[in-house]
PDB file of N, CA and C in Angstrom:
ATOM      1  N   UNK A   1      -7.182   6.748  85.591  1.00  0.00           N
ATOM      2  CA  UNK A   1      -7.617   5.384  85.352  1.00  0.00           C
ATOM      3  C   UNK A   1      -6.931   4.787  84.126  1.00  0.00           C
ATOM      4  N   UNK A   2      -6.828   5.591  83.057  1.00  0.00           N
ATOM      5  CA  UNK A   2      -6.213   5.061  81.842  1.00  0.00           C
ATOM      6  C   UNK A   2      -4.718   4.814  82.035  1.00  0.00           C
ATOM      7  N   UNK A   3      -4.077   5.598  82.918  1.00  0.00           N
ATOM      8  CA  UNK A   3      -2.653   5.380  83.183  1.00  0.00           C
ATOM      9  C   UNK A   3      -2.417   4.064  83.925  1.00  0.00           C
ATOM     10  N   UNK A   4      -3.342   3.716  84.811  1.00  0.00           N
ATOM     11  CA  UNK A   4      -3.229   2.449  85.535  1.00  0.00           C
ATOM     12  C   UNK A   4      -3.414   1.281  84.570  1.00  0.00           C
ATOM     13  N   UNK A   5      -4.401   1.388  83.690  1.00  0.00           N
ATOM     14  CA  UNK A   5      -4.614   0.335  82.694  1.00  0.00           C
ATOM     15  C   UNK A   5      -3.425   0.217  81.750  1.00  0.00           C
ATOM     16  N   UNK A   6      -2.838   1.351  81.379  1.00  0.00           N
ATOM     17  CA  UNK A   6      -1.658   1.340  80.521  1.00  0.00           C
ATOM     18  C   UNK A   6      -0.496   0.637  81.214  1.00  0.00           C
ATOM     19  N   UNK A   7      -0.328   0.881  82.495  1.00  0.00           N
ATOM     20  CA  UNK A   7       0.733   0.231  83.262  1.00  0.00           C
ATOM     21  C   UNK A   7       0.522  -1.281  83.323  1.00  0.00           C
ATOM     22  N   UNK A   8      -0.711  -1.705  83.558  1.00  0.00           N
ATOM     23  CA  UNK A   8      -1.017  -3.135  83.639  1.00  0.00           C
ATOM     24  C   UNK A   8      -0.808  -3.813  82.289  1.00  0.00           C
ATOM     25  N   UNK A   9      -1.310  -3.183  81.222  1.00  0.00           N
ATOM     26  CA  UNK A   9      -1.171  -3.771  79.890  1.00  0.00           C
ATOM     27  C   UNK A   9       0.291  -3.837  79.476  1.00  0.00           C
ATOM     28  N   UNK A  10       1.073  -2.819  79.811  1.00  0.00           N
ATOM     29  CA  UNK A  10       2.486  -2.843  79.451  1.00  0.00           C
ATOM     30  C   UNK A  10       3.240  -3.936  80.203  1.00  0.00           C
ATOM     31  N   UNK A  11       2.900  -4.152  81.469  1.00  0.00           N
ATOM     32  CA  UNK A  11       3.539  -5.227  82.236  1.00  0.00           C
ATOM     33  C   UNK A  11       3.181  -6.593  81.656  1.00  0.00           C
ATOM     34  N   UNK A  12       1.924  -6.771  81.278  1.00  0.00           N
ATOM     35  CA  UNK A  12       1.495  -8.041  80.679  1.00  0.00           C
ATOM     36  C   UNK A  12       2.190  -8.254  79.344  1.00  0.00           C
ATOM     37  N   UNK A  13       2.340  -7.191  78.550  1.00  0.00           N
ATOM     38  CA  UNK A  13       3.014  -7.300  77.255  1.00  0.00           C
ATOM     39  C   UNK A  13       4.476  -7.689  77.423  1.00  0.00           C
ATOM     40  N   UNK A  14       5.136  -7.122  78.407  1.00  0.00           N
ATOM     41  CA  UNK A  14       6.530  -7.484  78.665  1.00  0.00           C
ATOM     42  C   UNK A  14       6.646  -8.947  79.079  1.00  0.00           C
ATOM     43  N   UNK A  15       5.768  -9.389  79.954  1.00  0.00           N
ATOM     44  CA  UNK A  15       5.806 -10.781  80.422  1.00  0.00           C
ATOM     45  C   UNK A  15       5.530 -11.742  79.274  1.00  0.00           C
ATOM     46  N   UNK A  16       4.521 -11.434  78.445  1.00  0.00           N
ATOM     47  CA  UNK A  16       4.212 -12.310  77.318  1.00  0.00           C
ATOM     48  C   UNK A  16       5.350 -12.353  76.309  1.00  0.00           C
ATOM     49  N   UNK A  17       6.016 -11.233  76.106  1.00  0.00           N
ATOM     50  CA  UNK A  17       7.144 -11.206  75.178  1.00  0.00           C
ATOM     51  C   UNK A  17       8.314 -12.033  75.694  1.00  0.00           C
ATOM     52  N   UNK A  18       8.550 -11.978  76.986  1.00  0.00           N
ATOM     53  CA  UNK A  18       9.641 -12.753  77.557  1.00  0.00           C
ATOM     54  C   UNK A  18       9.351 -14.252  77.598  1.00  0.00           C
ATOM     55  N   UNK A  19       8.083 -14.619  77.626  1.00  0.00           N
ATOM     56  CA  UNK A  19       7.722 -16.041  77.662  1.00  0.00           C
ATOM     57  C   UNK A  19       7.878 -16.730  76.310  1.00  0.00           C
ATOM     58  N   UNK A  20       7.911 -15.964  75.240  1.00  0.00           N
ATOM     59  CA  UNK A  20       8.003 -16.569  73.916  1.00  0.00           C
ATOM     60  C   UNK A  20       9.384 -17.157  73.691  1.00  0.00           C
ATOM     61  N   UNK A  21       9.398 -18.292  73.005  1.00  0.00           N
ATOM     62  CA  UNK A  21      10.675 -18.942  72.738  1.00  0.00           C
ATOM     63  C   UNK A  21      11.379 -18.244  71.590  1.00  0.00           C
ATOM     64  N   UNK A  22      12.699 -18.288  71.618  1.00  0.00           N
ATOM     65  CA  UNK A  22      13.488 -17.681  70.559  1.00  0.00           C
ATOM     66  C   UNK A  22      13.394 -18.487  69.281  1.00  0.00           C
ATOM     67  N   UNK A  23      13.260 -17.816  68.159  1.00  0.00           N
ATOM     68  CA  UNK A  23      13.129 -18.506  66.887  1.00  0.00           C
ATOM     69  C   UNK A  23      14.349 -18.298  66.000  1.00  0.00           C
ATOM     70  N   UNK A  24      15.390 -17.661  66.531  1.00  0.00           N
ATOM     71  CA  UNK A  24      16.608 -17.448  65.765  1.00  0.00           C
ATOM     72  C   UNK A  24      17.790 -17.998  66.540  1.00  0.00           C
ATOM     73  N   UNK A  25      18.951 -17.892  65.936  1.00  0.00           N
ATOM     74  CA  UNK A  25      20.161 -18.396  66.588  1.00  0.00           C
ATOM     75  C   UNK A  25      20.740 -17.404  67.575  1.00  0.00           C
ATOM     76  N   UNK A  26      20.115 -16.290  67.726  1.00  0.00           N
ATOM     77  CA  UNK A  26      20.601 -15.295  68.659  1.00  0.00           C
ATOM     78  C   UNK A  26      20.813 -13.962  67.977  1.00  0.00           C
ATOM     79  N   UNK A  27      21.299 -13.016  68.739  1.00  0.00           N
ATOM     80  CA  UNK A  27      21.484 -11.658  68.239  1.00  0.00           C
ATOM     81  C   UNK A  27      22.556 -11.600  67.154  1.00  0.00           C
ATOM     82  N   UNK A  28      23.606 -12.383  67.303  1.00  0.00           N
ATOM     83  CA  UNK A  28      24.674 -12.347  66.309  1.00  0.00           C
ATOM     84  C   UNK A  28      24.235 -12.965  64.988  1.00  0.00           C
ATOM     85  N   UNK A  29      23.297 -13.878  65.021  1.00  0.00           N
ATOM     86  CA  UNK A  29      22.802 -14.492  63.790  1.00  0.00           C
ATOM     87  C   UNK A  29      22.032 -13.522  62.916  1.00  0.00           C
ATOM     88  N   UNK A  30      21.489 -12.471  63.504  1.00  0.00           N
ATOM     89  CA  UNK A  30      20.752 -11.478  62.736  1.00  0.00           C
ATOM     90  C   UNK A  30      21.677 -10.658  61.853  1.00  0.00           C
ATOM     91  N   UNK A  31      22.916 -10.487  62.273  1.00  0.00           N
ATOM     92  CA  UNK A  31      23.850  -9.652  61.522  1.00  0.00           C
ATOM     93  C   UNK A  31      24.841 -10.451  60.693  1.00  0.00           C
ATOM     94  N   UNK A  32      25.029 -11.708  61.024  1.00  0.00           N
ATOM     95  CA  UNK A  32      26.009 -12.503  60.296  1.00  0.00           C
ATOM     96  C   UNK A  32      25.437 -13.123  59.037  1.00  0.00           C
ATOM     97  N   UNK A  33      24.142 -13.025  58.844  1.00  0.00           N
ATOM     98  CA  UNK A  33      23.538 -13.572  57.641  1.00  0.00           C
ATOM     99  C   UNK A  33      23.290 -15.055  57.706  1.00  0.00           C
ATOM    100  N   UNK A  34      23.236 -15.592  58.874  1.00  0.00           N
ATOM    101  CA  UNK A  34      22.996 -17.027  58.993  1.00  0.00           C
ATOM    102  C   UNK A  34      21.555 -17.356  58.635  1.00  0.00           C
ATOM    103  N   UNK A  35      21.280 -18.609  58.464  1.00  0.00           N
ATOM    104  CA  UNK A  35      19.964 -19.063  58.020  1.00  0.00           C
ATOM    105  C   UNK A  35      18.898 -18.938  59.096  1.00  0.00           C
ATOM    106  N   UNK A  36      19.266 -18.609  60.321  1.00  0.00           N
ATOM    107  CA  UNK A  36      18.321 -18.574  61.426  1.00  0.00           C
ATOM    108  C   UNK A  36      17.274 -17.486  61.337  1.00  0.00           C
ATOM    109  N   UNK A  37      17.591 -16.357  60.715  1.00  0.00           N
ATOM    110  CA  UNK A  37      16.661 -15.243  60.667  1.00  0.00           C
ATOM    111  C   UNK A  37      16.053 -15.156  59.274  1.00  0.00           C
ATOM    112  N   UNK A  38      14.805 -15.517  59.171  1.00  0.00           N
ATOM    113  CA  UNK A  38      14.083 -15.407  57.908  1.00  0.00           C
ATOM    114  C   UNK A  38      12.744 -14.769  58.219  1.00  0.00           C
ATOM    115  N   UNK A  39      12.635 -13.477  57.975  1.00  0.00           N
ATOM    116  CA  UNK A  39      11.456 -12.729  58.387  1.00  0.00           C
ATOM    117  C   UNK A  39      10.197 -13.117  57.629  1.00  0.00           C
ATOM    118  N   UNK A  40      10.340 -13.656  56.432  1.00  0.00           N
ATOM    119  CA  UNK A  40       9.182 -13.938  55.602  1.00  0.00           C
ATOM    120  C   UNK A  40       8.885 -15.427  55.479  1.00  0.00           C
ATOM    121  N   UNK A  41       9.427 -16.219  56.358  1.00  0.00           N
ATOM    122  CA  UNK A  41       9.164 -17.653  56.301  1.00  0.00           C
ATOM    123  C   UNK A  41       7.838 -17.964  56.986  1.00  0.00           C
ATOM    124  N   UNK A  42       7.225 -19.044  56.558  1.00  0.00           N
ATOM    125  CA  UNK A  42       5.993 -19.503  57.195  1.00  0.00           C
ATOM    126  C   UNK A  42       6.354 -20.422  58.349  1.00  0.00           C
ATOM    127  N   UNK A  43       6.157 -19.941  59.551  1.00  0.00           N
ATOM    128  CA  UNK A  43       6.405 -20.778  60.715  1.00  0.00           C
ATOM    129  C   UNK A  43       5.067 -21.228  61.260  1.00  0.00           C
ATOM    130  N   UNK A  44       4.948 -22.490  61.466  1.00  0.00           N
ATOM    131  CA  UNK A  44       3.706 -23.063  61.985  1.00  0.00           C
ATOM    132  C   UNK A  44       3.799 -23.151  63.499  1.00  0.00           C
ATOM    133  N   UNK A  45       3.011 -22.315  64.149  1.00  0.00           N
ATOM    134  CA  UNK A  45       2.950 -22.367  65.603  1.00  0.00           C
ATOM    135  C   UNK A  45       1.786 -23.253  65.992  1.00  0.00           C
ATOM    136  N   UNK A  46       1.988 -24.033  67.021  1.00  0.00           N
ATOM    137  CA  UNK A  46       0.945 -24.940  67.474  1.00  0.00           C
ATOM    138  C   UNK A  46       0.818 -24.882  68.980  1.00  0.00           C
ATOM    139  N   UNK A  47      -0.374 -25.170  69.447  1.00  0.00           N
ATOM    140  CA  UNK A  47      -0.617 -25.308  70.871  1.00  0.00           C
ATOM    141  C   UNK A  47      -0.370 -24.045  71.661  1.00  0.00           C
ATOM    142  N   UNK A  48       0.453 -24.182  72.686  1.00  0.00           N
ATOM    143  CA  UNK A  48       0.705 -23.085  73.616  1.00  0.00           C
ATOM    144  C   UNK A  48       1.415 -21.923  72.925  1.00  0.00           C
ATOM    145  N   UNK A  49       2.317 -22.214  71.985  1.00  0.00           N
ATOM    146  CA  UNK A  49       3.038 -21.151  71.280  1.00  0.00           C
ATOM    147  C   UNK A  49       2.094 -20.280  70.473  1.00  0.00           C
ATOM    148  N   UNK A  50       1.109 -20.886  69.838  1.00  0.00           N
ATOM    149  CA  UNK A  50       0.142 -20.118  69.056  1.00  0.00           C
ATOM    150  C   UNK A  50      -0.728 -19.256  69.975  1.00  0.00           C
ATOM    151  N   UNK A  51      -1.162 -19.828  71.082  1.00  0.00           N
ATOM    152  CA  UNK A  51      -1.959 -19.075  72.041  1.00  0.00           C
ATOM    153  C   UNK A  51      -1.165 -17.909  72.612  1.00  0.00           C
ATOM    154  N   UNK A  52       0.090 -18.149  72.929  1.00  0.00           N
ATOM    155  CA  UNK A  52       0.955 -17.107  73.461  1.00  0.00           C
ATOM    156  C   UNK A  52       1.195 -16.010  72.426  1.00  0.00           C
ATOM    157  N   UNK A  53       1.389 -16.396  71.186  1.00  0.00           N
ATOM    158  CA  UNK A  53       1.599 -15.424  70.114  1.00  0.00           C
ATOM    159  C   UNK A  53       0.355 -14.571  69.883  1.00  0.00           C
ATOM    160  N   UNK A  54      -0.803 -15.198  69.889  1.00  0.00           N
ATOM    161  CA  UNK A  54      -2.055 -14.450  69.721  1.00  0.00           C
ATOM    162  C   UNK A  54      -2.315 -13.515  70.901  1.00  0.00           C
ATOM    163  N   UNK A  55      -2.029 -13.978  72.103  1.00  0.00           N
ATOM    164  CA  UNK A  55      -2.217 -13.139  73.286  1.00  0.00           C
ATOM    165  C   UNK A  55      -1.271 -11.940  73.252  1.00  0.00           C
ATOM    166  N   UNK A  56      -0.047 -12.144  72.761  1.00  0.00           N
ATOM    167  CA  UNK A  56       0.905 -11.044  72.643  1.00  0.00           C
ATOM    168  C   UNK A  56       0.430 -10.031  71.610  1.00  0.00           C
ATOM    169  N   UNK A  57      -0.127 -10.504  70.513  1.00  0.00           N
ATOM    170  CA  UNK A  57      -0.643  -9.619  69.473  1.00  0.00           C
ATOM    171  C   UNK A  57      -1.803  -8.778  70.005  1.00  0.00           C
ATOM    172  N   UNK A  58      -2.739  -9.407  70.687  1.00  0.00           N
ATOM    173  CA  UNK A  58      -3.897  -8.684  71.234  1.00  0.00           C
ATOM    174  C   UNK A  58      -3.449  -7.687  72.298  1.00  0.00           C
ATOM    175  N   UNK A  59      -2.501  -8.088  73.144  1.00  0.00           N
ATOM    176  CA  UNK A  59      -2.010  -7.188  74.183  1.00  0.00           C
ATOM    177  C   UNK A  59      -1.256  -6.012  73.576  1.00  0.00           C
ATOM    178  N   UNK A  60      -0.528  -6.239  72.493  1.00  0.00           N
ATOM    179  CA  UNK A  60       0.157  -5.157  71.810  1.00  0.00           C
ATOM    180  C   UNK A  60      -0.812  -4.152  71.217  1.00  0.00           C
ATOM    181  N   UNK A  61      -1.901  -4.642  70.648  1.00  0.00           N
ATOM    182  CA  UNK A  61      -2.928  -3.750  70.102  1.00  0.00           C
ATOM    183  C   UNK A  61      -3.589  -2.952  71.224  1.00  0.00           C
ATOM    184  N   UNK A  62      -3.872  -3.616  72.346  1.00  0.00           N
ATOM    185  CA  UNK A  62      -4.430  -2.911  73.510  1.00  0.00           C
ATOM    186  C   UNK A  62      -3.467  -1.850  74.032  1.00  0.00           C
ATOM    187  N   UNK A  63      -2.170  -2.169  74.034  1.00  0.00           N
ATOM    188  CA  UNK A  63      -1.173  -1.218  74.500  1.00  0.00           C
ATOM    189  C   UNK A  63      -1.177   0.046  73.633  1.00  0.00           C
ATOM    190  N   UNK A  64      -1.186  -0.140  72.320  1.00  0.00           N
ATOM    191  CA  UNK A  64      -1.212   1.010  71.417  1.00  0.00           C
ATOM    192  C   UNK A  64      -2.486   1.825  71.619  1.00  0.00           C
ATOM    193  N   UNK A  65      -3.619   1.144  71.793  1.00  0.00           N
ATOM    194  CA  UNK A  65      -4.883   1.849  72.002  1.00  0.00           C
ATOM    195  C   UNK A  65      -4.852   2.656  73.298  1.00  0.00           C
ATOM    196  N   UNK A  66      -4.315   2.078  74.377  1.00  0.00           N
ATOM    197  CA  UNK A  66      -4.255   2.797  75.647  1.00  0.00           C
ATOM    198  C   UNK A  66      -3.257   3.950  75.607  1.00  0.00           C
ATOM    199  N   UNK A  67      -2.188   3.822  74.829  1.00  0.00           N
ATOM    200  CA  UNK A  67      -1.249   4.934  74.678  1.00  0.00           C
ATOM    201  C   UNK A  67      -1.935   6.100  73.978  1.00  0.00           C
ATOM    202  N   UNK A  68      -2.670   5.791  72.919  1.00  0.00           N
ATOM    203  CA  UNK A  68      -3.387   6.860  72.192  1.00  0.00           C
ATOM    204  C   UNK A  68      -4.444   7.502  73.078  1.00  0.00           C
ATOM    205  N   UNK A  69      -5.193   6.701  73.816  1.00  0.00           N
ATOM    206  CA  UNK A  69      -6.222   7.235  74.714  1.00  0.00           C
ATOM    207  C   UNK A  69      -5.589   8.104  75.793  1.00  0.00           C
ATOM    208  N   UNK A  70      -4.469   7.650  76.351  1.00  0.00           N
ATOM    209  CA  UNK A  70      -3.796   8.423  77.392  1.00  0.00           C
ATOM    210  C   UNK A  70      -3.260   9.743  76.850  1.00  0.00           C
ATOM    211  N   UNK A  71      -2.701   9.725  75.651  1.00  0.00           N
ATOM    212  CA  UNK A  71      -2.193  10.963  75.074  1.00  0.00           C
ATOM    213  C   UNK A  71      -3.304  11.941  74.707  1.00  0.00           C
ATOM    214  N   UNK A  72      -4.430  11.423  74.245  1.00  0.00           N
ATOM    215  CA  UNK A  72      -5.534  12.298  73.866  1.00  0.00           C
ATOM    216  C   UNK A  72      -6.277  12.866  75.074  1.00  0.00           C
ATOM    217  N   UNK A  73      -6.196  12.182  76.200  1.00  0.00           N
ATOM    218  CA  UNK A  73      -6.926  12.640  77.379  1.00  0.00           C
ATOM    219  C   UNK A  73      -6.158  13.710  78.168  1.00  0.00           C
ATOM    220  N   UNK A  74      -4.938  13.967  77.792  1.00  0.00           N
ATOM    221  CA  UNK A  74      -4.149  14.971  78.524  1.00  0.00           C
ATOM    222  C   UNK A  74      -4.460  16.361  78.092  1.00  0.00           C
TER     223      UNK A  74
END
């Protein structure tokens, strides 16, 4: 049962991660030192983006919890 829940939560986490909009200039901007990647900046998310971000956070926490439960139950 826990493996099925882990599979469902992982699929939802992947979908939620893919739905989020990119906040940088791309993969090359992370290494070139461009202004696009600022890990400690305050970004104000509003509306659907905030809801999506919160749902991704909760799903990520659920994923970690189900991984631990699955490993301990073996």
